[in-house]
Amino acid sequence: MQVQIQALLAGGAGGRVEREEGREGGIEVVKPQIFDGTSAKVGGFIAAYKLYIRMRLRGESVEGQVQWILSYVQGGTADVWKENVMEEFLTSLKKEFGGGEEESVKAAELRKLEQGGRTMEEFIQEFKRAARGSGYEGRPLVEEFKRGMNGGIRRKLMEMENPPASIEQWYKRATALDRNWRESRREEERLRGKKETGGGAPKQEQRQILP
């Protein structure tokens, strides 16, 4: 999480224009749009915040900059990511000074978690939320992630010549594989719908689960 926050602070695509008075005088600065976790928008999101922070928030504390950035992270999987960031410090306190009862509850929740019809991005964010404070780390955490993901993706990853090892590698490769599979399914549905209707609009997409 610290790496992600630093990326936002070192960086941060279009939005409404606001004129402010200050050492930049009357220069107009474009405020970023709300970021909902869409992967295609993350580059522009970071670039916009980088510019705005340099021109308008340079004198703010790091805490103030982080809070301002998080106020623009809303909707979709970004809400869960934001929750993870905001609660990281509280989790550290509980782990250091709290008892073991909450950890047992979190561990039980993690062991029940399954991907089902969710996208891999959605599942990973939910998995991270459940893993936080559960006591799972390293190999045991990887094993729980493998157990919870859909079997088709798990098998394909484990059959690779160089299967993922760390949890971050599992996150990255599972996400890529899930995206490719869903894109392939959408293309198949589009072509099937076009064939059945003689070139008409494809049927409404339904969530698919990789077998």
Protein backbone atom coordinates (compact mmCIF):
# COMPACT_ATOMS: atom_id res chain seq x y z
CA MET A 1 0.00 0.00 0.00
CA GLN A 2 2.80 2.39 0.77
CA VAL A 3 4.17 1.89 -2.74
CA GLN A 4 0.74 2.66 -4.22
CA ILE A 5 0.35 5.80 -2.14
CA GLN A 6 3.82 7.01 -3.09
CA ALA A 7 2.96 6.41 -6.76
CA LEU A 8 -0.06 8.66 -6.37
CA LEU A 9 1.90 11.32 -4.54
CA ALA A 10 4.74 11.20 -7.06
CA GLY A 11 2.11 11.13 -9.77
CA GLY A 12 -1.80 11.46 -10.25
CA ALA A 13 -6.92 12.89 -16.60
CA GLY A 14 -9.08 15.70 -17.15
CA GLY A 15 -11.82 17.30 -15.15
CA ARG A 16 -13.24 20.65 -14.29
CA VAL A 17 -11.04 23.73 -14.37
CA GLU A 18 -10.56 25.81 -11.28
CA ARG A 19 -8.79 29.16 -10.93
CA GLU A 20 -6.94 29.76 -7.68
CA GLU A 21 -4.85 32.64 -6.44
CA GLY A 22 -1.34 31.98 -5.15
CA ARG A 23 2.23 32.04 -6.23
CA GLU A 24 1.11 30.66 -9.61
CA GLY A 25 -1.14 33.73 -9.98
CA GLY A 26 -4.11 33.19 -12.25
CA ILE A 27 -2.95 29.94 -13.86
CA GLU A 28 -5.83 27.58 -14.43
CA VAL A 29 -5.34 24.08 -13.06
CA VAL A 30 -7.43 21.13 -14.23
CA LYS A 31 -8.82 19.02 -11.41
CA PRO A 32 -8.69 15.25 -12.00
CA GLN A 33 -11.76 13.12 -12.65
CA ILE A 34 -13.01 10.56 -10.15
CA PHE A 35 -11.08 7.29 -10.44
CA ASP A 36 -13.17 4.09 -10.14
CA GLY A 37 -10.43 1.51 -10.49
CA THR A 38 -10.64 1.09 -14.28
CA SER A 39 -7.17 -0.10 -15.28
CA ALA A 40 -7.17 1.83 -18.57
CA LYS A 41 -7.58 5.11 -16.67
CA VAL A 42 -4.89 4.70 -14.02
CA GLY A 43 -2.13 6.33 -16.07
CA GLY A 44 -4.13 9.49 -16.68
CA PHE A 45 -5.30 9.47 -13.06
CA ILE A 46 -1.73 9.49 -11.74
CA ALA A 47 -0.57 12.08 -14.26
CA ALA A 48 -3.39 14.47 -13.33
CA TYR A 49 -2.64 14.21 -9.61
CA LYS A 50 1.05 14.70 -10.20
CA LEU A 51 0.37 17.99 -11.93
CA TYR A 52 -2.23 19.18 -9.42
CA ILE A 53 -0.13 18.34 -6.37
CA ARG A 54 2.89 20.16 -7.78
CA MET A 55 0.88 23.29 -8.60
CA ARG A 56 -1.68 23.46 -5.79
CA LEU A 57 -0.81 21.12 -2.92
CA ARG A 58 2.96 21.49 -2.68
CA GLY A 59 2.70 23.07 0.75
CA GLU A 60 0.33 20.43 2.13
CA SER A 61 1.51 17.66 4.43
CA VAL A 62 1.82 14.14 3.07
CA GLU A 63 -1.22 13.16 5.14
CA GLY A 64 -3.23 15.99 3.62
CA GLN A 65 -2.19 15.01 0.10
CA VAL A 66 -3.14 11.37 0.68
CA GLN A 67 -6.55 12.32 2.07
CA TRP A 68 -7.19 14.64 -0.88
CA ILE A 69 -6.21 11.93 -3.36
CA LEU A 70 -8.42 9.33 -1.69
CA SER A 71 -11.39 11.70 -1.91
CA TYR A 72 -11.17 11.26 -5.70
CA VAL A 73 -11.07 7.45 -5.54
CA GLN A 74 -14.69 6.30 -5.67
CA GLY A 75 -16.74 3.46 -7.12
CA GLY A 76 -16.03 -0.02 -8.45
CA THR A 77 -13.03 -1.92 -7.13
CA ALA A 78 -11.41 1.39 -6.17
CA ASP A 79 -13.64 1.59 -3.08
CA VAL A 80 -12.18 -1.62 -1.68
CA TRP A 81 -8.65 -0.47 -2.54
CA LYS A 82 -9.29 2.80 -0.73
CA GLU A 83 -10.61 0.94 2.28
CA ASN A 84 -7.42 -1.13 2.34
CA VAL A 85 -5.28 2.01 2.30
CA MET A 86 -7.28 3.84 4.95
CA GLU A 87 -7.35 0.90 7.35
CA GLU A 88 -3.71 -0.15 6.97
CA PHE A 89 -2.58 1.93 9.91
CA LEU A 90 -5.43 0.75 12.15
CA THR A 91 -4.65 -2.85 11.26
CA SER A 92 -1.02 -2.35 12.26
CA LEU A 93 -2.12 -1.01 15.64
CA LYS A 94 -4.47 -3.93 16.23
CA LYS A 95 -1.80 -6.43 15.25
CA GLU A 96 0.73 -4.84 17.57
CA PHE A 97 -1.46 -4.18 20.60
CA GLY A 98 -4.69 -6.14 20.15
CA GLY A 99 -5.66 -9.69 21.01
CA GLY A 100 -6.00 -12.72 18.76
CA GLU A 101 -9.81 -12.92 18.61
CA GLU A 102 -10.22 -10.64 15.60
CA GLU A 103 -7.41 -12.42 13.77
CA SER A 104 -9.28 -15.72 14.12
CA VAL A 105 -12.44 -14.17 12.69
CA LYS A 106 -10.55 -12.70 9.74
CA ALA A 107 -8.79 -16.03 9.08
CA ALA A 108 -12.15 -17.84 9.01
CA GLU A 109 -13.52 -15.27 6.57
CA LEU A 110 -10.50 -15.69 4.29
CA ARG A 111 -10.89 -19.47 4.23
CA LYS A 112 -14.49 -19.14 3.03
CA LEU A 113 -13.78 -16.64 0.26
CA GLU A 114 -14.30 -17.80 -3.36
CA GLN A 115 -14.17 -15.98 -6.68
CA GLY A 116 -17.40 -17.29 -8.17
CA GLY A 117 -18.76 -14.98 -10.89
CA ARG A 118 -16.62 -12.01 -9.91
CA THR A 119 -13.84 -10.70 -12.10
CA MET A 120 -10.33 -11.45 -10.87
CA GLU A 121 -9.82 -7.75 -10.06
CA GLU A 122 -12.90 -7.80 -7.82
CA PHE A 123 -11.87 -11.06 -6.18
CA ILE A 124 -8.33 -9.85 -5.50
CA GLN A 125 -9.51 -6.65 -3.82
CA GLU A 126 -11.93 -8.65 -1.65
CA PHE A 127 -9.20 -11.20 -0.91
CA LYS A 128 -6.80 -8.46 0.19
CA ARG A 129 -9.47 -7.00 2.46
CA ALA A 130 -10.12 -10.39 4.07
CA ALA A 131 -6.40 -11.22 4.32
CA ARG A 132 -5.59 -8.00 6.16
CA GLY A 133 -5.31 -8.87 9.83
CA SER A 134 -5.88 -12.61 9.25
CA GLY A 135 -2.32 -13.62 10.11
CA TYR A 136 -1.83 -15.26 6.70
CA GLU A 137 1.45 -14.43 4.98
CA GLY A 138 3.84 -15.98 2.48
CA ARG A 139 3.06 -19.48 1.23
CA PRO A 140 -0.11 -20.01 3.33
CA LEU A 141 -1.54 -16.80 1.85
CA VAL A 142 -0.74 -18.01 -1.69
CA GLU A 143 -2.42 -21.35 -0.98
CA GLU A 144 -5.61 -19.63 0.20
CA PHE A 145 -5.64 -17.46 -2.90
CA LYS A 146 -5.22 -20.53 -5.13
CA ARG A 147 -8.03 -22.30 -3.30
CA GLY A 148 -10.42 -19.38 -3.67
CA MET A 149 -9.95 -18.63 -7.36
CA ASN A 150 -11.89 -20.43 -10.06
CA GLY A 151 -10.46 -23.85 -10.92
CA GLY A 152 -9.87 -23.18 -14.62
CA ILE A 153 -7.59 -20.23 -13.95
CA ARG A 154 -5.78 -22.08 -11.17
CA ARG A 155 -5.07 -25.07 -13.40
CA LYS A 156 -3.79 -22.95 -16.27
CA LEU A 157 -1.43 -21.04 -13.97
CA MET A 158 -0.11 -24.16 -12.26
CA GLU A 159 0.50 -25.87 -15.64
CA MET A 160 2.71 -23.03 -16.88
CA GLU A 161 6.38 -23.78 -17.49
CA ASN A 162 7.23 -21.14 -14.86
CA PRO A 163 4.21 -20.89 -12.55
CA PRO A 164 3.87 -17.85 -10.27
CA ALA A 165 5.54 -18.07 -6.87
CA SER A 166 4.84 -14.96 -4.79
CA ILE A 167 1.37 -13.67 -4.01
CA GLU A 168 1.98 -10.59 -6.18
CA GLN A 169 2.89 -12.83 -9.12
CA TRP A 170 -0.30 -14.80 -8.58
CA TYR A 171 -2.33 -11.58 -8.50
CA LYS A 172 -0.77 -10.26 -11.70
CA ARG A 173 -0.91 -13.42 -13.80
CA ALA A 174 -4.36 -14.45 -12.62
CA THR A 175 -5.70 -11.00 -13.50
CA ALA A 176 -4.19 -11.13 -17.00
CA LEU A 177 -5.52 -14.62 -17.65
CA ASP A 178 -9.00 -13.75 -16.38
CA ARG A 179 -9.13 -10.61 -18.55
CA ASN A 180 -8.06 -12.55 -21.66
CA TRP A 181 -10.64 -15.25 -21.03
CA ARG A 182 -13.46 -12.77 -20.50
CA GLU A 183 -12.50 -10.85 -23.62
CA SER A 184 -12.53 -14.10 -25.57
CA ARG A 185 -16.00 -14.93 -24.22
CA ARG A 186 -17.30 -11.49 -25.16
CA GLU A 187 -15.98 -11.92 -28.70
CA GLU A 188 -17.59 -15.35 -28.99
CA GLU A 189 -20.92 -13.96 -27.76
CA ARG A 190 -20.68 -11.06 -30.21
CA LEU A 191 -20.01 -13.34 -33.16
CA ARG A 192 -22.70 -15.82 -32.12
CA GLY A 193 -25.25 -13.07 -31.66
CA LYS A 194 -24.34 -11.58 -35.03
CA LYS A 195 -24.73 -14.94 -36.72
CA GLU A 196 -28.07 -15.72 -35.06
CA THR A 197 -29.60 -12.33 -35.79
CA GLY A 198 -28.07 -11.84 -39.21
CA GLY A 199 -25.85 -8.95 -38.13
CA GLY A 200 -27.99 -7.49 -35.35
CA ALA A 201 -26.84 -6.37 -31.91
CA PRO A 202 -25.33 -9.07 -29.68
CA LYS A 203 -27.24 -10.39 -26.73
CA GLN A 204 -26.74 -8.77 -23.35
CA GLU A 205 -23.54 -9.99 -21.73
CA GLN A 206 -23.82 -12.17 -18.62
CA ARG A 207 -21.08 -12.87 -16.13
CA GLN A 208 -19.12 -15.97 -16.99
CA ILE A 209 -17.13 -18.30 -14.77
CA LEU A 210 -14.03 -19.96 -16.17
CA PRO A 211 -14.65 -23.71 -15.69
